[in-house]
């Protein structure tokens, strides 16, 4: 992997996004607006404190997955990706460049969403910086999985169809609706192999405890490892020719 080529790829993607303000606004504003809506749906500070930390991870994960998978597939179907692959650009250069570009957007997205949540009364017992880090890793996980699944889709509609496969099971089994240890053994086992479960657990610990314990560190490392694994798998499955 060549750092200069990776940075050039990230710069190109950011330049393209700069000419698509609607996408940028959606990426930055939607999670914050959803957190605002959530606060007034429950109309209870206690309920908001219980569910908001988990959704600070879920919303960025979902939006970044959708945007990344569709944007990458658009470049593939327009043959832009095919032309790039005829240059010295390596597969890891390409994917890490995309991840860096969307990751910078994710920093803004997560910062705005967390700022709105705190302004709405979300109580954070632990470090705000750790909360931001975990939420950012969730967004990067969405980016990495979006890059990975785009290799298996031929149209943008097919890319969106992967959401029920890669996103919704994690959303249902991450512990947001029911405690993971109260699920049946099959569902409990599945929740342990889904990275979003560890992110939600870590977010819950940061907001309820001022101590950064071993379990939280483990959860953060698991999510970070899954991001890197998804990017490497994306590089392995990336084809040089457009399907």
Protein backbone atom coordinates (compact mmCIF):
# COMPACT_ATOMS: atom_id res chain seq x y z
CA UNK A 1 0.00 0.00 0.00
CA UNK A 2 1.36 3.43 -0.99
CA UNK A 3 0.39 6.23 1.47
CA UNK A 4 0.68 8.92 -1.21
CA UNK A 5 -1.70 7.07 -3.54
CA UNK A 6 -4.09 6.38 -0.65
CA UNK A 7 -4.18 10.08 0.26
CA UNK A 8 -4.69 11.03 -3.39
CA UNK A 9 -7.64 8.63 -3.58
CA UNK A 10 -9.17 10.13 -0.44
CA UNK A 11 -8.70 13.63 -1.85
CA UNK A 12 -10.45 12.64 -5.09
CA UNK A 13 -13.44 11.18 -3.21
CA UNK A 14 -13.73 14.26 -0.99
CA UNK A 15 -13.61 16.50 -4.05
CA UNK A 16 -16.47 14.55 -5.61
CA UNK A 17 -18.49 14.76 -2.41
CA UNK A 18 -17.93 18.51 -2.26
CA UNK A 19 -19.90 18.77 -5.49
CA UNK A 20 -22.76 16.75 -3.99
CA UNK A 21 -23.92 18.93 -1.07
CA UNK A 22 -27.18 17.04 -0.59
CA UNK A 23 -25.30 13.84 0.26
CA UNK A 24 -23.00 15.67 2.66
CA UNK A 25 -25.94 17.35 4.40
CA UNK A 26 -27.74 14.02 4.71
CA UNK A 27 -24.65 12.34 6.18
CA UNK A 28 -24.09 15.05 8.75
CA UNK A 29 -27.65 16.08 9.60
CA UNK A 30 -29.71 12.88 9.53
CA UNK A 31 -28.27 11.16 12.65
CA UNK A 32 -28.54 14.41 14.62
CA UNK A 33 -32.14 14.96 13.50
CA UNK A 34 -33.00 11.36 14.40
CA UNK A 35 -31.55 11.84 17.89
CA UNK A 36 -33.64 15.02 18.26
CA UNK A 37 -36.74 13.14 17.15
CA UNK A 38 -35.94 10.30 19.53
CA UNK A 39 -35.73 12.66 22.48
CA UNK A 40 -39.24 13.99 21.92
CA UNK A 41 -40.72 10.62 21.00
CA UNK A 42 -39.89 9.29 24.47
CA UNK A 43 -40.36 12.66 26.21
CA UNK A 44 -38.51 11.19 29.17
CA UNK A 45 -34.91 11.88 30.14
CA UNK A 46 -34.52 8.42 31.70
CA UNK A 47 -35.72 6.59 28.59
CA UNK A 48 -33.59 8.82 26.36
CA UNK A 49 -30.49 8.09 28.49
CA UNK A 50 -31.18 4.36 28.18
CA UNK A 51 -31.58 4.09 24.42
CA UNK A 52 -29.65 7.07 23.01
CA UNK A 53 -26.12 5.65 23.56
CA UNK A 54 -26.89 2.58 21.47
CA UNK A 55 -28.43 4.62 18.67
CA UNK A 56 -25.37 6.90 18.60
CA UNK A 57 -23.65 3.85 17.19
CA UNK A 58 -26.49 2.46 15.10
CA UNK A 59 -27.41 5.62 13.15
CA UNK A 60 -23.87 6.42 11.85
CA UNK A 61 -23.32 2.75 11.06
CA UNK A 62 -26.52 2.59 9.01
CA UNK A 63 -26.09 5.85 7.09
CA UNK A 64 -22.42 5.26 6.26
CA UNK A 65 -23.18 1.72 5.06
CA UNK A 66 -25.83 2.97 2.64
CA UNK A 67 -23.85 5.92 1.31
CA UNK A 68 -20.58 4.02 0.90
CA UNK A 69 -22.06 0.95 -0.81
CA UNK A 70 -24.05 3.04 -3.30
CA UNK A 71 -21.24 5.52 -3.99
CA UNK A 72 -18.70 2.76 -4.60
CA UNK A 73 -21.04 0.85 -6.87
CA UNK A 74 -21.77 4.02 -8.85
CA UNK A 75 -18.07 4.37 -9.59
CA UNK A 76 -17.95 0.72 -10.61
CA UNK A 77 -20.90 0.90 -13.01
CA UNK A 78 -19.63 4.16 -14.53
CA UNK A 79 -16.31 2.33 -15.27
CA UNK A 80 -14.40 4.90 -13.19
CA UNK A 81 -13.21 2.11 -10.93
CA UNK A 82 -12.16 -0.02 -13.88
CA UNK A 83 -10.04 2.81 -15.30
CA UNK A 84 -8.44 3.45 -11.92
CA UNK A 85 -7.46 -0.20 -11.59
CA UNK A 86 -5.37 0.06 -14.77
CA UNK A 87 -3.08 2.56 -12.99
CA UNK A 88 -0.51 1.74 -10.27
CA UNK A 89 -3.34 2.14 -7.75
CA UNK A 90 -3.52 -0.98 -5.57
CA UNK A 91 -6.66 -2.47 -4.12
CA UNK A 92 -5.74 -1.54 -0.56
CA UNK A 93 -4.84 1.98 -1.72
CA UNK A 94 -8.31 2.30 -3.20
CA UNK A 95 -10.26 0.91 -0.25
CA UNK A 96 -8.26 2.67 2.45
CA UNK A 97 -8.54 5.90 0.45
CA UNK A 98 -12.32 5.54 0.41
CA UNK A 99 -12.31 4.65 4.09
CA UNK A 100 -10.20 7.71 4.91
CA UNK A 101 -12.45 10.05 2.92
CA UNK A 102 -15.70 8.75 4.35
CA UNK A 103 -14.04 8.46 7.76
CA UNK A 104 -13.38 12.21 7.77
CA UNK A 105 -17.06 12.77 7.01
CA UNK A 106 -17.89 10.33 9.79
CA UNK A 107 -15.88 12.45 12.25
CA UNK A 108 -18.13 15.42 11.49
CA UNK A 109 -21.26 13.27 11.49
CA UNK A 110 -20.51 11.65 14.85
CA UNK A 111 -19.39 14.94 16.41
CA UNK A 112 -22.65 16.67 15.45
CA UNK A 113 -24.81 13.73 16.59
CA UNK A 114 -23.03 13.46 19.94
CA UNK A 115 -23.14 17.22 20.45
CA UNK A 116 -26.89 17.29 19.81
CA UNK A 117 -27.44 14.32 22.13
CA UNK A 118 -25.50 15.94 24.97
CA UNK A 119 -27.36 19.18 24.38
CA UNK A 120 -30.64 17.28 24.67
CA UNK A 121 -29.64 16.06 28.11
CA UNK A 122 -27.80 12.78 27.51
CA UNK A 123 -25.82 12.05 30.67
CA UNK A 124 -22.32 10.66 30.04
CA UNK A 125 -20.63 9.32 33.17
CA UNK A 126 -17.42 8.38 31.36
CA UNK A 127 -15.17 10.16 28.91
CA UNK A 128 -16.82 12.05 26.07
CA UNK A 129 -13.75 11.36 23.93
CA UNK A 130 -14.14 7.61 24.37
CA UNK A 131 -17.81 7.94 23.41
CA UNK A 132 -16.82 9.83 20.25
CA UNK A 133 -14.19 7.21 19.43
CA UNK A 134 -16.65 4.32 19.71
CA UNK A 135 -19.31 6.10 17.65
CA UNK A 136 -16.67 6.93 15.03
CA UNK A 137 -15.59 3.28 14.87
CA UNK A 138 -19.26 2.37 14.29
CA UNK A 139 -19.39 4.77 11.35
CA UNK A 140 -16.13 3.34 9.97
CA UNK A 141 -17.57 -0.15 10.36
CA UNK A 142 -20.47 0.94 8.15
CA UNK A 143 -17.97 2.32 5.63
CA UNK A 144 -15.91 -0.88 5.60
CA UNK A 145 -18.94 -3.16 5.22
CA UNK A 146 -20.36 -0.88 2.52
CA UNK A 147 -17.11 -1.16 0.56
CA UNK A 148 -17.11 -4.93 1.03
CA UNK A 149 -20.69 -5.62 -0.11
CA UNK A 150 -20.42 -3.31 -3.11
CA UNK A 151 -18.19 -5.94 -4.73
CA UNK A 152 -21.15 -8.34 -4.89
CA UNK A 153 -23.79 -5.99 -6.32
CA UNK A 154 -24.42 -5.12 -9.97
CA UNK A 155 -26.89 -2.27 -9.41
CA UNK A 156 -27.52 0.32 -6.70
CA UNK A 157 -30.79 -1.45 -5.87
CA UNK A 158 -28.88 -4.68 -5.24
CA UNK A 159 -26.47 -2.79 -2.97
CA UNK A 160 -29.39 -1.56 -0.87
CA UNK A 161 -30.74 -5.13 -0.72
CA UNK A 162 -27.68 -6.14 1.27
CA UNK A 163 -28.86 -3.96 4.16
CA UNK A 164 -31.28 -6.62 5.53
CA UNK A 165 -28.41 -9.14 5.42
CA UNK A 166 -25.57 -7.12 6.96
CA UNK A 167 -27.31 -4.37 8.94
CA UNK A 168 -30.75 -5.37 10.23
CA UNK A 169 -29.67 -8.60 12.03
CA UNK A 170 -27.01 -6.61 13.90
CA UNK A 171 -29.58 -3.93 14.71
CA UNK A 172 -32.01 -6.51 16.14
CA UNK A 173 -29.46 -8.57 18.08
CA UNK A 174 -27.13 -5.86 19.43
CA UNK A 175 -29.01 -5.58 22.73
CA UNK A 176 -31.05 -2.51 21.84
CA UNK A 177 -34.46 -4.22 22.10
CA UNK A 178 -33.65 -7.05 24.52
CA UNK A 179 -30.70 -7.94 26.71
CA UNK A 180 -28.39 -10.31 24.86
CA UNK A 181 -28.10 -12.71 27.80
CA UNK A 182 -31.91 -13.07 27.82
CA UNK A 183 -32.04 -14.29 24.20
CA UNK A 184 -32.11 -17.93 23.16
CA UNK A 185 -28.71 -19.57 22.84
CA UNK A 186 -28.71 -19.37 19.04
CA UNK A 187 -29.50 -15.66 19.00
CA UNK A 188 -27.08 -15.05 21.84
CA UNK A 189 -24.32 -16.81 19.89
CA UNK A 190 -25.12 -14.80 16.76
CA UNK A 191 -24.99 -11.55 18.74
CA UNK A 192 -21.47 -12.45 19.88
CA UNK A 193 -20.18 -12.68 16.31
CA UNK A 194 -21.71 -9.35 15.24
CA UNK A 195 -19.48 -6.32 15.79
CA UNK A 196 -22.33 -3.88 16.41
CA UNK A 197 -23.13 -5.77 19.63
CA UNK A 198 -19.71 -4.88 21.04
CA UNK A 199 -20.07 -1.26 19.99
CA UNK A 200 -23.47 -0.93 21.69
CA UNK A 201 -22.14 -2.60 24.83
CA UNK A 202 -19.16 -0.22 24.93
CA UNK A 203 -21.37 2.85 24.41
CA UNK A 204 -23.63 1.72 27.24
CA UNK A 205 -20.66 1.28 29.59
CA UNK A 206 -19.17 4.68 28.75
CA UNK A 207 -22.43 6.50 29.47
CA UNK A 208 -23.11 4.69 32.75
CA UNK A 209 -19.64 4.28 34.26
CA UNK A 210 -16.75 6.69 34.74
CA UNK A 211 -14.26 3.80 34.72
CA UNK A 212 -12.67 2.61 31.49
CA UNK A 213 -12.63 -1.12 32.26
CA UNK A 214 -11.12 -4.08 30.43
CA UNK A 215 -14.45 -5.05 28.86
CA UNK A 216 -14.86 -1.63 27.23
CA UNK A 217 -11.31 -1.74 25.86
CA UNK A 218 -11.97 -5.24 24.51
CA UNK A 219 -15.17 -4.09 22.82
CA UNK A 220 -13.37 -1.16 21.17
CA UNK A 221 -10.59 -3.41 19.91
CA UNK A 222 -13.11 -5.91 18.51
CA UNK A 223 -14.92 -3.22 16.53
CA UNK A 224 -11.61 -1.76 15.26
CA UNK A 225 -10.46 -5.24 14.24
CA UNK A 226 -13.70 -5.85 12.35
CA UNK A 227 -13.22 -2.58 10.45
CA UNK A 228 -9.75 -3.67 9.31
CA UNK A 229 -10.98 -7.17 8.49
CA UNK A 230 -13.84 -5.84 6.34
CA UNK A 231 -11.42 -3.58 4.44
CA UNK A 232 -9.02 -6.46 3.78
CA UNK A 233 -11.89 -8.70 2.63
CA UNK A 234 -13.06 -5.87 0.40
CA UNK A 235 -9.61 -5.74 -1.19
CA UNK A 236 -9.61 -9.51 -1.74
CA UNK A 237 -13.05 -9.52 -3.39
CA UNK A 238 -12.52 -6.33 -5.44
CA UNK A 239 -12.63 -7.18 -9.13
CA UNK A 240 -10.66 -5.31 -11.76
CA UNK A 241 -13.47 -5.47 -14.28
CA UNK A 242 -16.98 -4.12 -13.93
CA UNK A 243 -19.55 -6.98 -13.72
